[in-house]
Amino acid sequence: MRLYTTYGTNDLPRAIRFYDAIFSVLDQPRLPGWSKDRAGWGADPDAGIGFWVCTPHDGGAASVGNGTMIAFPARSAAQVRRFHAAGLEYGGTDAGAPGIRDYYAPDFYVAYLRDPDGNKLSCFYYHYDPGKNPGD
């Protein structure tokens, strides 16, 4: 299956700064093919997996979906924390600090952000072990 995700933005330069920051933490470069009204990130465009931001094609304002969220996998709890910190530094807002949650498995480490347009994002790490992650 080929898959890509798109979020709308009302300020593309601001969105690009934000997503460049969080995707650099996740080692996901900007994809080729971006233009004046869109930009994308991902490691392999031929695999059909990518994340894009663009101004809405219908000319209307971009808006967020209630209950909509994109979640990105991380390689460690430290990477989840860096993702969250980069998002806050580049105009995102906190939607849930890095850590474990009582309603998930104890080895599921996660953080939540809203991008500058209000879209919800998550970064998660499976197999979290607090004994191997001092300071968590």
N, C-alpha and C. Protein backbone atom coordinates (compact mmCIF):
# COMPACT_ATOMS: atom_id res chain seq x y z
N MET A 1 0.84 -1.18 0.00
CA MET A 1 0.00 0.00 0.00
C MET A 1 0.89 1.24 0.00
N ARG A 2 0.53 2.17 -0.80
CA ARG A 2 1.20 3.47 -0.80
C ARG A 2 0.33 4.43 0.00
N LEU A 3 0.96 5.24 0.83
CA LEU A 3 0.20 6.08 1.74
C LEU A 3 0.93 7.41 1.93
N TYR A 4 0.17 8.48 1.93
CA TYR A 4 0.71 9.76 2.37
C TYR A 4 -0.37 10.49 3.12
N THR A 5 0.04 11.44 3.92
CA THR A 5 -0.87 12.21 4.76
C THR A 5 -0.67 13.68 4.44
N THR A 6 -1.75 14.43 4.48
CA THR A 6 -1.69 15.86 4.23
C THR A 6 -2.46 16.60 5.31
N TYR A 7 -1.84 17.65 5.84
CA TYR A 7 -2.52 18.60 6.71
C TYR A 7 -2.54 19.93 5.98
N GLY A 8 -3.62 20.67 6.14
CA GLY A 8 -3.70 22.01 5.58
C GLY A 8 -3.04 23.01 6.50
N THR A 9 -2.60 24.10 5.91
CA THR A 9 -2.00 25.18 6.70
C THR A 9 -2.48 26.53 6.17
N ASN A 10 -2.55 27.50 7.07
CA ASN A 10 -2.88 28.86 6.69
C ASN A 10 -1.64 29.74 6.55
N ASP A 11 -0.47 29.17 6.87
CA ASP A 11 0.79 29.90 6.79
C ASP A 11 1.88 28.90 6.44
N LEU A 12 2.10 28.68 5.15
CA LEU A 12 3.03 27.65 4.72
C LEU A 12 4.46 27.87 5.20
N PRO A 13 5.03 29.07 5.13
CA PRO A 13 6.40 29.23 5.64
C PRO A 13 6.53 28.86 7.12
N ARG A 14 5.54 29.24 7.92
CA ARG A 14 5.55 28.90 9.36
C ARG A 14 5.45 27.39 9.53
N ALA A 15 4.58 26.74 8.77
CA ALA A 15 4.43 25.29 8.85
C ALA A 15 5.71 24.58 8.43
N ILE A 16 6.37 25.07 7.40
CA ILE A 16 7.62 24.46 6.95
C ILE A 16 8.69 24.54 8.03
N ARG A 17 8.81 25.69 8.69
CA ARG A 17 9.78 25.82 9.79
C ARG A 17 9.49 24.81 10.90
N PHE A 18 8.21 24.68 11.28
CA PHE A 18 7.81 23.74 12.33
C PHE A 18 8.11 22.30 11.92
N TYR A 19 7.67 21.90 10.73
CA TYR A 19 7.85 20.51 10.31
C TYR A 19 9.30 20.19 9.97
N ASP A 20 10.06 21.13 9.45
CA ASP A 20 11.50 20.90 9.28
C ASP A 20 12.13 20.54 10.62
N ALA A 21 11.74 21.25 11.68
CA ALA A 21 12.31 21.02 13.01
C ALA A 21 11.95 19.64 13.55
N ILE A 22 10.67 19.28 13.53
CA ILE A 22 10.31 17.98 14.13
C ILE A 22 10.76 16.81 13.27
N PHE A 23 10.73 16.97 11.94
CA PHE A 23 11.15 15.86 11.10
C PHE A 23 12.67 15.70 11.07
N SER A 24 13.42 16.76 11.36
CA SER A 24 14.87 16.58 11.47
C SER A 24 15.19 15.70 12.67
N VAL A 25 14.40 15.80 13.75
CA VAL A 25 14.58 14.93 14.91
C VAL A 25 14.33 13.47 14.53
N LEU A 26 13.38 13.24 13.63
CA LEU A 26 13.01 11.88 13.23
C LEU A 26 13.77 11.40 11.99
N ASP A 27 14.77 12.18 11.55
CA ASP A 27 15.60 11.82 10.38
C ASP A 27 14.77 11.63 9.12
N GLN A 28 13.78 12.50 8.94
CA GLN A 28 12.93 12.46 7.74
C GLN A 28 13.16 13.73 6.94
N PRO A 29 13.87 13.63 5.82
CA PRO A 29 14.19 14.83 5.04
C PRO A 29 13.00 15.35 4.25
N ARG A 30 13.14 16.56 3.78
CA ARG A 30 12.13 17.14 2.92
C ARG A 30 12.15 16.38 1.60
N LEU A 31 10.96 16.04 1.10
CA LEU A 31 10.83 15.31 -0.15
C LEU A 31 10.97 16.24 -1.35
N PRO A 32 11.39 15.69 -2.49
CA PRO A 32 11.40 16.52 -3.70
C PRO A 32 9.96 16.75 -4.15
N GLY A 33 9.77 17.73 -4.99
CA GLY A 33 8.44 17.98 -5.54
C GLY A 33 7.64 19.01 -4.79
N TRP A 34 8.25 19.68 -3.81
CA TRP A 34 7.49 20.72 -3.12
C TRP A 34 7.49 21.97 -3.97
N SER A 35 6.50 22.79 -3.76
CA SER A 35 6.30 23.98 -4.58
C SER A 35 5.90 25.15 -3.70
N LYS A 36 5.41 26.22 -4.33
CA LYS A 36 5.03 27.41 -3.57
C LYS A 36 3.85 27.17 -2.65
N ASP A 37 3.08 26.11 -2.86
CA ASP A 37 1.90 25.88 -2.03
C ASP A 37 1.91 24.55 -1.29
N ARG A 38 3.04 23.82 -1.28
CA ARG A 38 3.11 22.55 -0.55
C ARG A 38 4.55 22.17 -0.26
N ALA A 39 4.72 21.37 0.78
CA ALA A 39 6.03 20.79 1.12
C ALA A 39 5.77 19.44 1.76
N GLY A 40 6.71 18.51 1.57
CA GLY A 40 6.55 17.16 2.11
C GLY A 40 7.84 16.63 2.70
N TRP A 41 7.70 15.62 3.55
CA TRP A 41 8.83 14.99 4.22
C TRP A 41 8.67 13.48 4.18
N GLY A 42 9.78 12.78 4.17
CA GLY A 42 9.79 11.32 4.20
C GLY A 42 11.11 10.80 3.69
N ALA A 43 11.44 9.57 4.02
CA ALA A 43 12.74 9.02 3.65
C ALA A 43 12.78 8.47 2.24
N ASP A 44 11.67 7.96 1.75
CA ASP A 44 11.68 7.29 0.44
C ASP A 44 10.38 7.55 -0.30
N PRO A 45 10.36 8.55 -1.19
CA PRO A 45 9.12 8.85 -1.89
C PRO A 45 8.63 7.69 -2.76
N ASP A 46 9.54 6.83 -3.22
CA ASP A 46 9.12 5.70 -4.04
C ASP A 46 8.36 4.65 -3.23
N ALA A 47 8.55 4.65 -1.91
CA ALA A 47 7.81 3.72 -1.05
C ALA A 47 6.37 4.20 -0.87
N GLY A 48 6.10 5.44 -1.26
CA GLY A 48 4.74 5.96 -1.19
C GLY A 48 4.32 6.42 0.18
N ILE A 49 5.29 6.64 1.06
CA ILE A 49 4.96 7.08 2.41
C ILE A 49 5.52 8.49 2.59
N GLY A 50 4.68 9.41 2.98
CA GLY A 50 5.14 10.77 3.17
C GLY A 50 4.13 11.59 3.94
N PHE A 51 4.58 12.75 4.37
CA PHE A 51 3.74 13.68 5.09
C PHE A 51 3.86 15.02 4.38
N TRP A 52 2.73 15.65 4.09
CA TRP A 52 2.70 16.90 3.34
C TRP A 52 1.88 17.95 4.07
N VAL A 53 2.25 19.21 3.91
CA VAL A 53 1.43 20.35 4.31
C VAL A 53 1.20 21.20 3.08
N CYS A 54 0.02 21.77 2.99
CA CYS A 54 -0.29 22.60 1.84
C CYS A 54 -1.40 23.59 2.19
N THR A 55 -1.50 24.60 1.36
CA THR A 55 -2.65 25.48 1.48
C THR A 55 -3.83 24.74 0.84
N PRO A 56 -5.03 24.87 1.39
CA PRO A 56 -6.17 24.13 0.84
C PRO A 56 -6.43 24.47 -0.63
N HIS A 57 -6.69 23.44 -1.40
CA HIS A 57 -6.92 23.61 -2.84
C HIS A 57 -8.18 24.41 -3.14
N ASP A 58 -9.16 24.38 -2.23
CA ASP A 58 -10.41 25.10 -2.51
C ASP A 58 -10.33 26.59 -2.18
N GLY A 59 -9.16 27.03 -1.68
CA GLY A 59 -8.98 28.44 -1.37
C GLY A 59 -9.51 28.85 -0.02
N GLY A 60 -10.21 27.94 0.68
CA GLY A 60 -10.73 28.24 2.01
C GLY A 60 -9.64 28.14 3.06
N ALA A 61 -10.02 28.47 4.28
CA ALA A 61 -9.08 28.39 5.40
C ALA A 61 -8.87 26.93 5.80
N ALA A 62 -7.65 26.59 6.17
CA ALA A 62 -7.36 25.27 6.72
C ALA A 62 -7.97 25.20 8.12
N SER A 63 -8.47 24.02 8.49
CA SER A 63 -9.03 23.83 9.83
C SER A 63 -8.65 22.44 10.33
N VAL A 64 -8.73 22.24 11.63
CA VAL A 64 -8.37 20.96 12.23
C VAL A 64 -9.59 20.06 12.36
N GLY A 65 -9.35 18.78 12.41
CA GLY A 65 -10.43 17.82 12.61
C GLY A 65 -10.48 17.36 14.06
N ASN A 66 -11.64 17.38 14.67
CA ASN A 66 -11.80 16.91 16.03
C ASN A 66 -11.65 15.39 16.04
N GLY A 67 -10.68 14.89 16.80
CA GLY A 67 -10.41 13.46 16.85
C GLY A 67 -9.39 13.01 15.81
N THR A 68 -8.86 13.94 15.04
CA THR A 68 -7.85 13.62 14.03
C THR A 68 -6.46 13.82 14.60
N MET A 69 -5.58 12.84 14.35
CA MET A 69 -4.20 12.93 14.84
C MET A 69 -3.32 12.06 13.96
N ILE A 70 -2.11 12.50 13.73
CA ILE A 70 -1.09 11.72 13.05
C ILE A 70 -0.05 11.36 14.10
N ALA A 71 0.39 10.09 14.11
CA ALA A 71 1.38 9.63 15.08
C ALA A 71 2.62 9.13 14.35
N PHE A 72 3.79 9.57 14.82
CA PHE A 72 5.06 9.21 14.21
C PHE A 72 5.87 8.32 15.15
N PRO A 73 6.41 7.21 14.66
CA PRO A 73 7.21 6.33 15.51
C PRO A 73 8.60 6.91 15.75
N ALA A 74 9.13 6.63 16.94
CA ALA A 74 10.48 7.05 17.32
C ALA A 74 11.31 5.81 17.62
N ARG A 75 12.64 6.01 17.68
CA ARG A 75 13.55 4.90 17.99
C ARG A 75 13.91 4.84 19.48
N SER A 76 13.47 5.85 20.24
CA SER A 76 13.79 5.88 21.67
C SER A 76 12.89 6.89 22.37
N ALA A 77 12.85 6.80 23.69
CA ALA A 77 12.12 7.79 24.48
C ALA A 77 12.80 9.16 24.36
N ALA A 78 14.13 9.15 24.27
CA ALA A 78 14.85 10.42 24.12
C ALA A 78 14.45 11.11 22.82
N GLN A 79 14.24 10.35 21.76
CA GLN A 79 13.83 10.95 20.49
C GLN A 79 12.42 11.52 20.61
N VAL A 80 11.54 10.87 21.36
CA VAL A 80 10.20 11.42 21.61
C VAL A 80 10.32 12.77 22.32
N ARG A 81 11.19 12.85 23.31
CA ARG A 81 11.38 14.11 24.03
C ARG A 81 11.94 15.21 23.12
N ARG A 82 12.89 14.86 22.26
CA ARG A 82 13.46 15.85 21.33
C ARG A 82 12.40 16.33 20.33
N PHE A 83 11.56 15.41 19.85
CA PHE A 83 10.46 15.76 18.95
C PHE A 83 9.56 16.80 19.62
N HIS A 84 9.15 16.53 20.84
CA HIS A 84 8.26 17.41 21.59
C HIS A 84 8.92 18.77 21.81
N ALA A 85 10.18 18.77 22.22
CA ALA A 85 10.90 20.03 22.47
C ALA A 85 11.05 20.84 21.19
N ALA A 86 11.39 20.19 20.09
CA ALA A 86 11.53 20.90 18.82
C ALA A 86 10.20 21.49 18.38
N GLY A 87 9.13 20.75 18.56
CA GLY A 87 7.81 21.27 18.21
C GLY A 87 7.44 22.50 19.00
N LEU A 88 7.72 22.49 20.30
CA LEU A 88 7.42 23.65 21.13
C LEU A 88 8.30 24.84 20.74
N GLU A 89 9.56 24.58 20.45
CA GLU A 89 10.48 25.65 20.08
C GLU A 89 10.08 26.32 18.77
N TYR A 90 9.46 25.58 17.86
CA TYR A 90 9.13 26.11 16.54
C TYR A 90 7.64 26.40 16.37
N GLY A 91 6.97 26.78 17.44
CA GLY A 91 5.62 27.31 17.33
C GLY A 91 4.49 26.36 17.64
N GLY A 92 4.79 25.12 18.00
CA GLY A 92 3.74 24.19 18.38
C GLY A 92 3.30 24.43 19.81
N THR A 93 2.21 23.80 20.21
CA THR A 93 1.73 23.89 21.59
C THR A 93 1.65 22.50 22.18
N ASP A 94 1.85 22.43 23.48
CA ASP A 94 1.82 21.15 24.19
C ASP A 94 0.41 20.59 24.22
N ALA A 95 0.29 19.31 23.88
CA ALA A 95 -1.00 18.61 23.98
C ALA A 95 -0.84 17.35 24.82
N GLY A 96 0.30 17.23 25.51
CA GLY A 96 0.58 16.08 26.36
C GLY A 96 2.07 15.85 26.44
N ALA A 97 2.65 16.11 27.60
CA ALA A 97 4.10 16.01 27.79
C ALA A 97 4.59 14.57 27.56
N PRO A 98 5.86 14.41 27.20
CA PRO A 98 6.42 13.07 27.02
C PRO A 98 6.30 12.24 28.29
N GLY A 99 5.93 10.98 28.11
CA GLY A 99 5.83 10.07 29.24
C GLY A 99 4.92 8.90 28.93
N ILE A 100 4.67 8.10 29.95
CA ILE A 100 3.73 6.99 29.82
C ILE A 100 2.37 7.46 30.30
N ARG A 101 1.34 6.74 29.89
CA ARG A 101 -0.03 7.07 30.28
C ARG A 101 -0.66 5.85 30.93
N ASP A 102 -1.47 6.07 31.96
CA ASP A 102 -2.12 4.96 32.65
C ASP A 102 -3.01 4.14 31.73
N TYR A 103 -3.58 4.75 30.70
CA TYR A 103 -4.52 4.05 29.83
C TYR A 103 -3.84 3.31 28.68
N TYR A 104 -2.51 3.38 28.57
CA TYR A 104 -1.75 2.60 27.58
C TYR A 104 -0.91 1.58 28.31
N ALA A 105 -0.30 0.70 27.56
CA ALA A 105 0.64 -0.28 28.14
C ALA A 105 1.81 0.47 28.77
N PRO A 106 2.42 -0.08 29.83
CA PRO A 106 3.50 0.63 30.52
C PRO A 106 4.77 0.79 29.69
N ASP A 107 4.88 0.11 28.56
CA ASP A 107 6.07 0.26 27.72
C ASP A 107 5.82 1.17 26.51
N PHE A 108 4.71 1.92 26.54
CA PHE A 108 4.36 2.83 25.45
C PHE A 108 4.64 4.26 25.90
N TYR A 109 5.68 4.87 25.35
CA TYR A 109 6.11 6.21 25.70
C TYR A 109 5.65 7.15 24.60
N VAL A 110 5.02 8.26 24.95
CA VAL A 110 4.38 9.09 23.93
C VAL A 110 4.37 10.56 24.35
N ALA A 111 4.33 11.44 23.35
CA ALA A 111 4.16 12.88 23.56
C ALA A 111 3.19 13.39 22.51
N TYR A 112 2.50 14.47 22.84
CA TYR A 112 1.50 15.06 21.95
C TYR A 112 1.76 16.54 21.76
N LEU A 113 1.57 17.01 20.54
CA LEU A 113 1.72 18.42 20.17
C LEU A 113 0.57 18.85 19.29
N ARG A 114 0.39 20.14 19.20
CA ARG A 114 -0.43 20.72 18.13
C ARG A 114 0.50 21.59 17.31
N ASP A 115 0.41 21.46 16.00
CA ASP A 115 1.25 22.30 15.14
C ASP A 115 0.73 23.73 15.18
N PRO A 116 1.42 24.68 14.54
CA PRO A 116 0.98 26.07 14.61
C PRO A 116 -0.43 26.32 14.06
N ASP A 117 -0.96 25.41 13.23
CA ASP A 117 -2.33 25.56 12.72
C ASP A 117 -3.34 24.84 13.61
N GLY A 118 -2.88 24.12 14.65
CA GLY A 118 -3.78 23.43 15.57
C GLY A 118 -3.96 21.95 15.31
N ASN A 119 -3.29 21.40 14.29
CA ASN A 119 -3.39 19.97 14.00
C ASN A 119 -2.66 19.17 15.07
N LYS A 120 -3.26 18.07 15.50
CA LYS A 120 -2.68 17.26 16.57
C LYS A 120 -1.70 16.25 16.00
N LEU A 121 -0.55 16.13 16.69
CA LEU A 121 0.52 15.20 16.33
C LEU A 121 0.93 14.41 17.55
N SER A 122 1.46 13.23 17.31
CA SER A 122 1.98 12.41 18.38
C SER A 122 3.30 11.80 17.92
N CYS A 123 4.18 11.55 18.85
CA CYS A 123 5.40 10.80 18.60
C CYS A 123 5.46 9.73 19.69
N PHE A 124 5.72 8.49 19.30
CA PHE A 124 5.64 7.39 20.27
C PHE A 124 6.81 6.43 20.12
N TYR A 125 7.08 5.73 21.22
CA TYR A 125 8.13 4.70 21.26
C TYR A 125 7.57 3.49 21.99
N TYR A 126 7.58 2.36 21.31
CA TYR A 126 7.20 1.09 21.94
C TYR A 126 8.41 0.50 22.65
N HIS A 127 8.16 -0.35 23.60
CA HIS A 127 9.20 -1.09 24.33
C HIS A 127 10.01 -0.20 25.26
N TYR A 128 9.37 0.81 25.80
CA TYR A 128 10.01 1.70 26.76
C TYR A 128 10.32 0.94 28.03
N ASP A 129 11.52 1.12 28.54
CA ASP A 129 11.95 0.50 29.80
C ASP A 129 12.60 1.59 30.65
N PRO A 130 11.93 2.04 31.72
CA PRO A 130 12.50 3.12 32.52
C PRO A 130 13.85 2.77 33.10
N GLY A 131 14.15 1.49 33.30
CA GLY A 131 15.47 1.08 33.80
C GLY A 131 16.58 1.35 32.81
N LYS A 132 16.23 1.37 31.53
CA LYS A 132 17.23 1.63 30.47
C LYS A 132 17.18 3.08 30.01
N ASN A 133 16.27 3.87 30.55
CA ASN A 133 16.10 5.27 30.15
C ASN A 133 16.17 6.15 31.40
N PRO A 134 17.33 6.27 32.03
CA PRO A 134 17.42 7.07 33.25
C PRO A 134 16.96 8.51 33.01
N GLY A 135 16.33 9.04 34.03
CA GLY A 135 15.86 10.41 33.95
C GLY A 135 14.43 10.53 33.47
N ASP A 136 13.81 9.42 33.09
CA ASP A 136 12.41 9.46 32.64
C ASP A 136 11.46 9.30 33.80
